[in-house]
């Protein structure tokens, strides 16, 4: 009987399977979190591109309408997936005798951690554009 107990204590066959069973869920969750972060970064790049296209249009003379600027931003944006994209109305201003427009976009995306909801991520970008008179 003692020989059998000693043999069982030294037997480590199957330990790797048990350790993998404990580590695999954490690894899968971390990989899924990287996918979620990638989706957010792709959306950030897309809204930055759209904002740049709107800014380029806003610098033309004569000044385009706010609707045309918002349509340019909306048409150029890419990578927005399951979230909501909002384009604020451009705000005109004057500083030191020069006119400008403040363009602002906001993107909100809910994330999930496979079995339960994750944080909702909100990204805002803005750009000041000096316009020709």
C-alpha atoms as a PDB file:
ATOM      1  CA  UNK A   1       0.000   0.000   0.000  1.00  0.00           C
ATOM      2  CA  UNK A   2       2.797   2.447   0.865  1.00  0.00           C
ATOM      3  CA  UNK A   3       4.553   1.678  -2.390  1.00  0.00           C
ATOM      4  CA  UNK A   4       1.418   2.562  -4.305  1.00  0.00           C
ATOM      5  CA  UNK A   5       0.995   5.917  -2.475  1.00  0.00           C
ATOM      6  CA  UNK A   6       4.612   6.821  -3.149  1.00  0.00           C
ATOM      7  CA  UNK A   7       4.153   5.995  -6.804  1.00  0.00           C
ATOM      8  CA  UNK A   8       1.037   8.207  -7.004  1.00  0.00           C
ATOM      9  CA  UNK A   9       2.840  11.154  -5.438  1.00  0.00           C
ATOM     10  CA  UNK A  10       5.626  10.988  -8.011  1.00  0.00           C
ATOM     11  CA  UNK A  11       3.354  10.463 -10.973  1.00  0.00           C
ATOM     12  CA  UNK A  12       2.942  13.818 -12.786  1.00  0.00           C
ATOM     13  CA  UNK A  13       1.390  12.511 -15.990  1.00  0.00           C
ATOM     14  CA  UNK A  14      -1.487  14.745 -17.069  1.00  0.00           C
ATOM     15  CA  UNK A  15      -0.204  17.807 -15.167  1.00  0.00           C
ATOM     16  CA  UNK A  16       0.313  19.730 -18.426  1.00  0.00           C
ATOM     17  CA  UNK A  17      -3.297  19.141 -19.433  1.00  0.00           C
ATOM     18  CA  UNK A  18      -4.564  20.465 -16.108  1.00  0.00           C
ATOM     19  CA  UNK A  19      -2.289  23.534 -16.275  1.00  0.00           C
ATOM     20  CA  UNK A  20      -3.428  24.223 -19.840  1.00  0.00           C
ATOM     21  CA  UNK A  21      -7.053  23.940 -18.767  1.00  0.00           C
ATOM     22  CA  UNK A  22      -6.452  26.657 -16.178  1.00  0.00           C
ATOM     23  CA  UNK A  23      -4.399  28.954 -18.450  1.00  0.00           C
ATOM     24  CA  UNK A  24      -6.350  28.628 -21.717  1.00  0.00           C
ATOM     25  CA  UNK A  25      -9.427  30.696 -20.725  1.00  0.00           C
ATOM     26  CA  UNK A  26      -7.216  33.586 -19.608  1.00  0.00           C
ATOM     27  CA  UNK A  27      -5.222  33.394 -22.839  1.00  0.00           C
ATOM     28  CA  UNK A  28      -8.366  33.375 -24.996  1.00  0.00           C
ATOM     29  CA  UNK A  29      -9.780  36.347 -23.063  1.00  0.00           C
ATOM     30  CA  UNK A  30      -6.557  38.337 -23.515  1.00  0.00           C
ATOM     31  CA  UNK A  31      -6.535  37.581 -27.236  1.00  0.00           C
ATOM     32  CA  UNK A  32     -10.172  38.716 -27.519  1.00  0.00           C
ATOM     33  CA  UNK A  33      -9.310  41.931 -25.671  1.00  0.00           C
ATOM     34  CA  UNK A  34      -6.572  42.579 -28.250  1.00  0.00           C
ATOM     35  CA  UNK A  35      -9.147  42.135 -31.027  1.00  0.00           C
ATOM     36  CA  UNK A  36     -11.466  44.630 -29.309  1.00  0.00           C
ATOM     37  CA  UNK A  37      -8.601  47.137 -28.917  1.00  0.00           C
ATOM     38  CA  UNK A  38      -7.748  46.679 -32.608  1.00  0.00           C
ATOM     39  CA  UNK A  39     -11.323  47.532 -33.577  1.00  0.00           C
ATOM     40  CA  UNK A  40     -11.167  50.730 -31.531  1.00  0.00           C
ATOM     41  CA  UNK A  41      -7.794  51.750 -33.008  1.00  0.00           C
ATOM     42  CA  UNK A  42      -9.062  51.068 -36.544  1.00  0.00           C
ATOM     43  CA  UNK A  43     -12.077  53.284 -35.851  1.00  0.00           C
ATOM     44  CA  UNK A  44      -9.829  56.021 -34.442  1.00  0.00           C
ATOM     45  CA  UNK A  45      -7.767  55.969 -37.614  1.00  0.00           C
ATOM     46  CA  UNK A  46     -10.899  56.114 -39.753  1.00  0.00           C
ATOM     47  CA  UNK A  47     -12.447  59.052 -37.926  1.00  0.00           C
ATOM     48  CA  UNK A  48      -9.129  60.919 -38.043  1.00  0.00           C
ATOM     49  CA  UNK A  49      -9.050  60.386 -41.817  1.00  0.00           C
ATOM     50  CA  UNK A  50     -12.639  61.591 -42.187  1.00  0.00           C
ATOM     51  CA  UNK A  51     -11.889  64.642 -40.059  1.00  0.00           C
ATOM     52  CA  UNK A  52      -8.905  65.451 -42.286  1.00  0.00           C
ATOM     53  CA  UNK A  53     -11.031  65.225 -45.425  1.00  0.00           C
ATOM     54  CA  UNK A  54     -13.604  67.564 -43.889  1.00  0.00           C
ATOM     55  CA  UNK A  55     -10.837  69.983 -42.912  1.00  0.00           C
ATOM     56  CA  UNK A  56      -9.445  69.970 -46.461  1.00  0.00           C
ATOM     57  CA  UNK A  57     -12.872  70.804 -47.857  1.00  0.00           C
ATOM     58  CA  UNK A  58     -13.412  73.558 -45.275  1.00  0.00           C
ATOM     59  CA  UNK A  59     -10.268  75.407 -46.413  1.00  0.00           C
ATOM     60  CA  UNK A  60     -11.602  75.906 -49.963  1.00  0.00           C
ATOM     61  CA  UNK A  61     -12.771  79.286 -51.166  1.00  0.00           C
ATOM     62  CA  UNK A  62     -15.640  80.093 -51.201  1.00  0.00           C
ATOM     63  CA  UNK A  63     -16.378  78.410 -47.905  1.00  0.00           C
ATOM     64  CA  UNK A  64     -18.543  75.298 -48.344  1.00  0.00           C
ATOM     65  CA  UNK A  65     -21.691  74.862 -46.298  1.00  0.00           C
ATOM     66  CA  UNK A  66     -21.584  73.076 -42.955  1.00  0.00           C
ATOM     67  CA  UNK A  67     -23.678  70.280 -44.461  1.00  0.00           C
ATOM     68  CA  UNK A  68     -21.142  69.778 -47.266  1.00  0.00           C
ATOM     69  CA  UNK A  69     -18.320  69.601 -44.698  1.00  0.00           C
ATOM     70  CA  UNK A  70     -20.237  67.093 -42.585  1.00  0.00           C
ATOM     71  CA  UNK A  71     -20.999  65.006 -45.692  1.00  0.00           C
ATOM     72  CA  UNK A  72     -17.298  65.006 -46.612  1.00  0.00           C
ATOM     73  CA  UNK A  73     -16.392  63.761 -43.139  1.00  0.00           C
ATOM     74  CA  UNK A  74     -19.108  61.111 -43.212  1.00  0.00           C
ATOM     75  CA  UNK A  75     -18.120  59.944 -46.708  1.00  0.00           C
ATOM     76  CA  UNK A  76     -14.437  59.570 -45.911  1.00  0.00           C
ATOM     77  CA  UNK A  77     -14.686  57.835 -42.539  1.00  0.00           C
ATOM     78  CA  UNK A  78     -13.898  54.122 -42.413  1.00  0.00           C
ATOM     79  CA  UNK A  79     -13.479  51.388 -39.847  1.00  0.00           C
ATOM     80  CA  UNK A  80     -16.434  52.234 -37.687  1.00  0.00           C
ATOM     81  CA  UNK A  81     -18.028  48.971 -36.784  1.00  0.00           C
ATOM     82  CA  UNK A  82     -20.568  48.263 -34.089  1.00  0.00           C
ATOM     83  CA  UNK A  83     -20.381  51.744 -32.573  1.00  0.00           C
ATOM     84  CA  UNK A  84     -22.096  55.081 -33.172  1.00  0.00           C
ATOM     85  CA  UNK A  85     -20.434  57.918 -35.086  1.00  0.00           C
ATOM     86  CA  UNK A  86     -21.499  61.515 -34.513  1.00  0.00           C
ATOM     87  CA  UNK A  87     -20.401  64.626 -36.414  1.00  0.00           C
ATOM     88  CA  UNK A  88     -20.935  67.885 -34.558  1.00  0.00           C
ATOM     89  CA  UNK A  89     -21.976  71.003 -36.437  1.00  0.00           C
ATOM     90  CA  UNK A  90     -18.848  73.031 -37.288  1.00  0.00           C
ATOM     91  CA  UNK A  91     -18.422  76.017 -34.986  1.00  0.00           C
ATOM     92  CA  UNK A  92     -17.141  79.239 -36.545  1.00  0.00           C
ATOM     93  CA  UNK A  93     -14.894  81.625 -34.683  1.00  0.00           C
ATOM     94  CA  UNK A  94     -12.478  84.497 -35.079  1.00  0.00           C
ATOM     95  CA  UNK A  95      -9.055  84.841 -33.503  1.00  0.00           C
ATOM     96  CA  UNK A  96      -6.696  87.743 -34.179  1.00  0.00           C
ATOM     97  CA  UNK A  97      -8.717  88.782 -37.210  1.00  0.00           C
ATOM     98  CA  UNK A  98      -8.635  85.342 -38.844  1.00  0.00           C
ATOM     99  CA  UNK A  99     -11.698  83.167 -39.231  1.00  0.00           C
ATOM    100  CA  UNK A 100     -11.695  79.496 -38.336  1.00  0.00           C
ATOM    101  CA  UNK A 101     -13.961  76.478 -38.010  1.00  0.00           C
ATOM    102  CA  UNK A 102     -13.771  73.925 -35.225  1.00  0.00           C
ATOM    103  CA  UNK A 103     -14.637  70.461 -36.523  1.00  0.00           C
ATOM    104  CA  UNK A 104     -15.459  67.721 -34.013  1.00  0.00           C
ATOM    105  CA  UNK A 105     -16.374  64.044 -34.320  1.00  0.00           C
ATOM    106  CA  UNK A 106     -17.195  61.498 -31.627  1.00  0.00           C
ATOM    107  CA  UNK A 107     -17.249  57.714 -31.822  1.00  0.00           C
ATOM    108  CA  UNK A 108     -18.667  55.443 -29.126  1.00  0.00           C
ATOM    109  CA  UNK A 109     -18.179  51.682 -29.217  1.00  0.00           C
ATOM    110  CA  UNK A 110     -19.309  49.111 -26.684  1.00  0.00           C
ATOM    111  CA  UNK A 111     -16.874  46.265 -26.105  1.00  0.00           C
ATOM    112  CA  UNK A 112     -17.470  42.793 -24.793  1.00  0.00           C
ATOM    113  CA  UNK A 113     -15.362  40.249 -22.972  1.00  0.00           C
ATOM    114  CA  UNK A 114     -16.895  37.175 -24.616  1.00  0.00           C
ATOM    115  CA  UNK A 115     -19.306  36.204 -21.841  1.00  0.00           C
ATOM    116  CA  UNK A 116     -19.950  39.598 -20.235  1.00  0.00           C
ATOM    117  CA  UNK A 117     -20.032  43.220 -21.439  1.00  0.00           C
ATOM    118  CA  UNK A 118     -16.860  45.260 -21.342  1.00  0.00           C
ATOM    119  CA  UNK A 119     -16.396  49.008 -21.084  1.00  0.00           C
ATOM    120  CA  UNK A 120     -17.932  51.420 -23.577  1.00  0.00           C
ATOM    121  CA  UNK A 121     -15.157  53.381 -25.230  1.00  0.00           C
ATOM    122  CA  UNK A 122     -15.733  56.954 -26.438  1.00  0.00           C
ATOM    123  CA  UNK A 123     -13.211  58.658 -28.694  1.00  0.00           C
ATOM    124  CA  UNK A 124     -13.447  62.342 -29.662  1.00  0.00           C
ATOM    125  CA  UNK A 125     -11.300  64.131 -32.193  1.00  0.00           C
ATOM    126  CA  UNK A 126     -11.354  67.789 -33.153  1.00  0.00           C
ATOM    127  CA  UNK A 127      -9.532  69.970 -35.624  1.00  0.00           C
ATOM    128  CA  UNK A 128      -9.337  73.746 -36.002  1.00  0.00           C
ATOM    129  CA  UNK A 129      -9.313  74.852 -39.605  1.00  0.00           C
ATOM    130  CA  UNK A 130      -8.359  78.367 -40.677  1.00  0.00           C
ATOM    131  CA  UNK A 131     -10.616  79.389 -43.533  1.00  0.00           C
ATOM    132  CA  UNK A 132      -9.995  81.726 -46.427  1.00  0.00           C
ATOM    133  CA  UNK A 133     -11.967  84.955 -46.643  1.00  0.00           C
END
